[in-house]
Structures are given as structure tokens and as C-alpha cells.
Amino acid sequence: MKLLQYVVRSMDQNVYIYFDETSKEGVIVDPGNDAARIAQVIKENEIDVKAILLTHGHGDHTGAVADLKAELGCKVGAHRWEIPVLEDERISFSAMYGSKKFDVDMIFEDGDEFKFGGTSLKVIHTPGHTQGGVCYYDETNKILFSGDTLFYVSIGRTDFPNPPEKDGIGYPSTENFKRIIDSIKEKLYVLPEETAVYTGHGSATNIRFEKKFNGFVKA
């Protein structure tokens, strides 16, 4: 497996292209903007993109989705609870970041897996930053794409509003901080300590380092 990283400079958001070097099948995680540049990287490396996987629906992580989906003909995946976030421009900040509307083709539940090439990514539901936020975990290669849940010695913001109650999946914004802490402790800190963590913004880290040095979440 090979991992390519592209940084969108509007908010230093990380875009990840993860693919199998033999089959060339791969995924794009959180294409925040600069669709033309991302498409160029895809073409240069002859990657067969099977899906765009979203860790959450904020516009700084979805700005290039519509254009890439149209150009590459691939599906888009997100957690079920994130659909109301994507549908509400006030909650997703899509207008602020120029994110065009797009359809989600694969609606994930906690524990689902997306298989491509020689590996698979497990969906880990980690609410807190948004209600349907997820991380994607490659158990074989010990790689985690953490979105805006877990950062290098930090965590994602929890002061954003949640969508109004819809189909029984909304929850009060006052619960966001507890939910993100519980998500990290119960779902991420239980992963092997050598697991590499590729974050939505900033530097990569690993589970061992975060358990020892992250002051927001005590192991």
C-alpha cells in the first residue's frame, strides 16, 4: 500500500490518497479543495479511484468532492449520521468553502468495511466534532485516518452546532465534548499503539504518542 498526502492551504487540511501499488485501486480521503491538482496526482500515479471517503461533512474537507466524483466516476461514502450535516449549509459550512452539492452513494454504519486493492478500511464512528464523524482504520497496515477527531496532541473542536433532530439521530451540542473524548478513549486508544494516525489537519502522529502526551484525552 502507498499513501500520498496533499495539503490544501486554505486551512492546511490534509487530503490522503491511499492505494494498492499492484492493482492501483485506491481511495481519496477528505478532498478538501484543489480538485484539479488532486486529479493530476491521480493521473500521474495511474490510480483507479474506487471511492471518496469522508471522515465528516465540513466544507473544508469536501470542497473537491463534486468535481472529483464527476471526473473520476467514483462513489462517495459517509456515515449515516453525517447526511444531515452535509444537507445543512449552516452546519457544514459548505458555502463558506465553496463546496458544491453532491450525493452520498455509500452510507456507512459503525464497523462497516470498504474493501479495495489488497486491503480494507474499517469505519469507526467517532462522534463529537460532528455527529456522524468517523475514522477509517486499516488493521493490516496499522494506519488510521482520524479526520478532525484526533490531532497531534489535540482533538477536534466540539463547539459547532449539530443538525436539528432528524429521524432520531440528532443529539444536543452540549454532549459534543464528552462524545469526542469517549470516542477517542473507547475506540481509538484501544488500537495497537504503533498505529500511525493521519490527521485532518497538521502533523501525523501515532496512538502510543497520543496516549502519553495528549493533554485533552488521558488514557
Protein backbone atom coordinates (compact mmCIF):
# COMPACT_ATOMS: atom_id res chain seq x y z
CA MET A 1 0.00 0.00 0.00
CA LYS A 2 1.14 3.53 -0.75
CA LEU A 3 -0.02 6.76 0.85
CA LEU A 4 0.16 10.17 -0.81
CA GLN A 5 -0.66 13.37 1.06
CA TYR A 6 -1.71 16.70 -0.38
CA VAL A 7 -2.23 19.78 1.81
CA VAL A 8 -4.90 22.33 0.89
CA ARG A 9 -3.53 25.62 2.13
CA SER A 10 -6.78 27.43 2.93
CA MET A 11 -6.81 25.74 6.34
CA ASP A 12 -3.92 23.31 5.96
CA GLN A 13 -6.38 20.46 5.60
CA ASN A 14 -4.89 17.11 4.62
CA VAL A 15 -6.07 15.14 1.61
CA TYR A 16 -4.99 11.49 1.51
CA ILE A 17 -4.74 9.21 -1.50
CA TYR A 18 -4.30 5.62 -0.36
CA PHE A 19 -3.80 2.91 -2.96
CA ASP A 20 -2.54 -0.56 -3.71
CA GLU A 21 0.64 -0.33 -5.77
CA THR A 22 -0.07 -3.62 -7.57
CA SER A 23 -3.71 -3.28 -8.57
CA LYS A 24 -3.64 0.55 -8.49
CA GLU A 25 -7.03 0.52 -6.74
CA GLY A 26 -7.33 3.28 -4.19
CA VAL A 27 -9.41 5.81 -2.28
CA ILE A 28 -9.31 9.52 -1.61
CA VAL A 29 -9.94 10.59 1.98
CA ASP A 30 -11.35 14.08 2.57
CA PRO A 31 -10.61 16.01 -0.65
CA GLY A 32 -10.99 19.49 0.81
CA ASN A 33 -10.28 21.54 -2.30
CA ASP A 34 -7.96 21.87 -5.32
CA ALA A 35 -9.77 19.22 -7.36
CA ALA A 36 -7.63 19.79 -10.45
CA ARG A 37 -4.40 19.21 -8.55
CA ILE A 38 -5.74 16.10 -6.85
CA ALA A 39 -6.92 14.75 -10.20
CA GLN A 40 -3.47 15.39 -11.62
CA VAL A 41 -1.85 13.35 -8.84
CA ILE A 42 -4.34 10.56 -9.52
CA LYS A 43 -3.49 10.60 -13.22
CA GLU A 44 0.27 10.77 -12.67
CA ASN A 45 0.14 7.69 -10.47
CA GLU A 46 -2.43 5.87 -12.65
CA ILE A 47 -4.70 5.27 -9.66
CA ASP A 48 -8.08 3.60 -10.11
CA VAL A 49 -10.10 5.50 -7.53
CA LYS A 50 -12.86 3.31 -6.11
CA ALA A 51 -14.28 5.79 -3.64
CA ILE A 52 -14.06 9.16 -1.95
CA LEU A 53 -14.32 8.53 1.79
CA LEU A 54 -15.41 11.36 4.07
CA THR A 55 -14.48 11.46 7.74
CA HIS A 56 -17.08 14.21 8.21
CA GLY A 57 -19.09 16.75 6.27
CA HIS A 58 -17.49 20.13 6.95
CA GLY A 59 -16.85 22.14 3.80
CA ASP A 60 -13.09 22.38 4.31
CA HIS A 61 -12.96 18.59 3.79
CA THR A 62 -15.49 18.27 0.97
CA GLY A 63 -14.70 21.17 -1.37
CA ALA A 64 -13.36 18.98 -4.18
CA VAL A 65 -15.80 16.08 -3.85
CA ALA A 66 -18.33 17.07 -6.52
CA ASP A 67 -15.73 17.81 -9.19
CA LEU A 68 -13.67 14.68 -8.46
CA LYS A 69 -16.74 12.47 -8.38
CA ALA A 70 -17.78 13.78 -11.79
CA GLU A 71 -14.32 13.41 -13.30
CA LEU A 72 -13.38 10.04 -11.80
CA GLY A 73 -16.80 8.42 -11.79
CA CYS A 74 -16.32 7.10 -8.26
CA LYS A 75 -18.68 6.69 -5.32
CA VAL A 76 -18.76 8.81 -2.17
CA GLY A 77 -19.06 7.30 1.29
CA ALA A 78 -20.02 8.84 4.65
CA HIS A 79 -21.61 7.75 7.91
CA ARG A 80 -25.41 7.70 8.13
CA TRP A 81 -25.49 10.30 10.88
CA GLU A 82 -23.45 12.71 8.74
CA ILE A 83 -26.06 13.01 6.00
CA PRO A 84 -27.99 15.77 7.86
CA VAL A 85 -24.70 17.64 8.32
CA LEU A 86 -23.99 17.52 4.59
CA GLU A 87 -27.54 18.63 3.78
CA ASP A 88 -27.45 21.74 6.00
CA GLU A 89 -25.23 24.54 4.66
CA ARG A 90 -25.21 26.29 8.04
CA ILE A 91 -23.89 23.17 9.75
CA SER A 92 -21.46 22.02 7.05
CA PHE A 93 -20.13 25.50 6.18
CA SER A 94 -20.22 24.34 2.56
CA ALA A 95 -20.93 27.79 1.15
CA MET A 96 -18.03 29.27 3.08
CA TYR A 97 -15.58 26.82 1.48
CA GLY A 98 -17.18 26.63 -1.95
CA SER A 99 -18.24 23.02 -1.58
CA LYS A 100 -20.74 22.07 -4.29
CA LYS A 101 -23.62 19.72 -3.59
CA PHE A 102 -23.10 16.02 -4.22
CA ASP A 103 -24.83 12.74 -3.45
CA VAL A 104 -23.54 10.19 -0.97
CA ASP A 105 -23.64 6.76 -2.60
CA MET A 106 -22.44 4.60 0.29
CA ILE A 107 -23.99 5.20 3.70
CA PHE A 108 -21.84 3.62 6.38
CA GLU A 109 -22.60 2.25 9.83
CA ASP A 110 -20.08 1.78 12.62
CA GLY A 111 -17.98 -1.30 11.88
CA ASP A 112 -18.58 -1.39 8.13
CA GLU A 113 -15.60 -2.09 5.88
CA PHE A 114 -14.69 -0.72 2.47
CA LYS A 115 -12.52 -3.15 0.53
CA PHE A 116 -10.23 -2.19 -2.33
CA GLY A 117 -6.95 -3.45 -3.73
CA GLY A 118 -5.35 -5.75 -1.20
CA THR A 119 -6.77 -4.19 1.93
CA SER A 120 -9.86 -2.75 3.59
CA LEU A 121 -10.70 0.27 5.71
CA LYS A 122 -12.94 -0.20 8.74
CA VAL A 123 -15.41 2.56 9.61
CA ILE A 124 -15.08 3.67 13.24
CA HIS A 125 -17.86 6.05 14.30
CA THR A 126 -16.31 8.78 16.46
CA PRO A 127 -18.96 11.46 17.12
CA GLY A 128 -18.06 14.72 18.80
CA HIS A 129 -16.63 17.05 16.18
CA THR A 130 -19.73 16.20 14.14
CA GLN A 131 -22.46 13.71 14.92
CA GLY A 132 -21.51 11.36 12.09
CA GLY A 133 -17.75 11.80 12.20
CA VAL A 134 -15.71 8.67 11.55
CA CYS A 135 -12.17 7.40 11.34
CA TYR A 136 -11.01 4.83 8.79
CA TYR A 137 -8.73 2.05 10.03
CA ASP A 138 -6.52 -0.29 8.03
CA GLU A 139 -5.93 -3.09 10.52
CA THR A 140 -3.44 -4.94 8.32
CA ASN A 141 -1.12 -1.98 7.87
CA LYS A 142 -1.89 -0.25 11.19
CA ILE A 143 -2.98 3.03 9.63
CA LEU A 144 -5.76 5.30 10.89
CA PHE A 145 -7.27 8.28 9.08
CA SER A 146 -8.63 10.28 12.00
CA GLY A 147 -10.22 13.27 10.28
CA ASP A 148 -10.92 16.00 12.82
CA THR A 149 -11.39 13.62 15.75
CA LEU A 150 -7.79 13.17 16.90
CA PHE A 151 -4.89 15.50 16.11
CA TYR A 152 -1.25 15.64 17.13
CA VAL A 153 -1.56 16.32 20.90
CA SER A 154 -5.02 17.79 20.34
CA ILE A 155 -8.62 16.99 19.42
CA GLY A 156 -11.24 18.40 17.08
CA ARG A 157 -13.39 21.36 18.05
CA THR A 158 -16.65 20.48 19.75
CA ASP A 159 -18.36 23.88 19.76
CA PHE A 160 -20.10 23.53 16.40
CA PRO A 161 -23.90 23.12 16.31
CA ASN A 162 -25.46 19.79 15.43
CA PRO A 163 -28.34 19.48 12.95
CA PRO A 164 -31.83 19.66 14.38
CA GLU A 165 -33.36 16.36 15.42
CA LYS A 166 -33.95 14.32 12.28
CA ASP A 167 -35.01 10.68 12.08
CA GLY A 168 -33.96 10.19 15.67
CA ILE A 169 -30.25 10.68 15.09
CA GLY A 170 -29.65 14.19 16.39
CA TYR A 171 -28.21 14.87 19.82
CA PRO A 172 -27.58 18.06 21.82
CA SER A 173 -24.45 20.08 21.06
CA THR A 174 -23.77 20.17 24.79
CA GLU A 175 -22.79 16.48 24.55
CA ASN A 176 -20.14 17.01 21.87
CA PHE A 177 -17.09 17.26 24.13
CA LYS A 178 -17.96 14.15 26.13
CA ARG A 179 -18.69 12.23 22.97
CA ILE A 180 -15.36 13.03 21.32
CA ILE A 181 -13.42 12.13 24.48
CA ASP A 182 -15.35 8.87 24.83
CA SER A 183 -14.82 8.15 21.12
CA ILE A 184 -11.06 8.55 21.41
CA LYS A 185 -10.72 6.60 24.65
CA GLU A 186 -13.06 3.75 23.79
CA LYS A 187 -12.46 3.35 20.06
CA LEU A 188 -9.04 4.79 19.15
CA TYR A 189 -6.87 4.30 22.23
CA VAL A 190 -7.70 0.58 22.14
CA LEU A 191 -5.98 0.22 18.76
CA PRO A 192 -2.39 -1.10 18.65
CA GLU A 193 -0.07 1.58 19.99
CA GLU A 194 2.09 1.50 16.86
CA THR A 195 -0.89 2.55 14.72
CA ALA A 196 0.03 5.57 12.59
CA VAL A 197 -2.56 8.36 12.78
CA TYR A 198 -3.05 10.58 9.74
CA THR A 199 -5.00 13.62 10.82
CA GLY A 200 -7.37 16.03 9.09
CA HIS A 201 -5.06 18.97 9.80
CA GLY A 202 -1.44 19.15 10.82
CA SER A 203 1.17 16.51 11.51
CA ALA A 204 0.76 12.76 11.67
CA THR A 205 1.15 11.01 14.99
CA ASN A 206 0.57 7.56 16.50
CA ILE A 207 -1.59 6.05 19.20
CA ARG A 208 1.26 5.44 21.63
CA PHE A 209 2.38 9.08 21.49
CA GLU A 210 -1.15 10.42 21.94
CA LYS A 211 -1.88 8.18 24.91
CA LYS A 212 1.23 9.55 26.58
CA PHE A 213 1.21 13.21 25.60
CA ASN A 214 -2.29 14.31 24.56
CA GLY A 215 -3.46 16.53 27.40
CA PHE A 216 -7.08 16.56 26.26
CA VAL A 217 -7.53 12.80 26.50
CA LYS A 218 -5.91 10.87 29.30
CA ALA A 219 -5.56 7.16 28.57
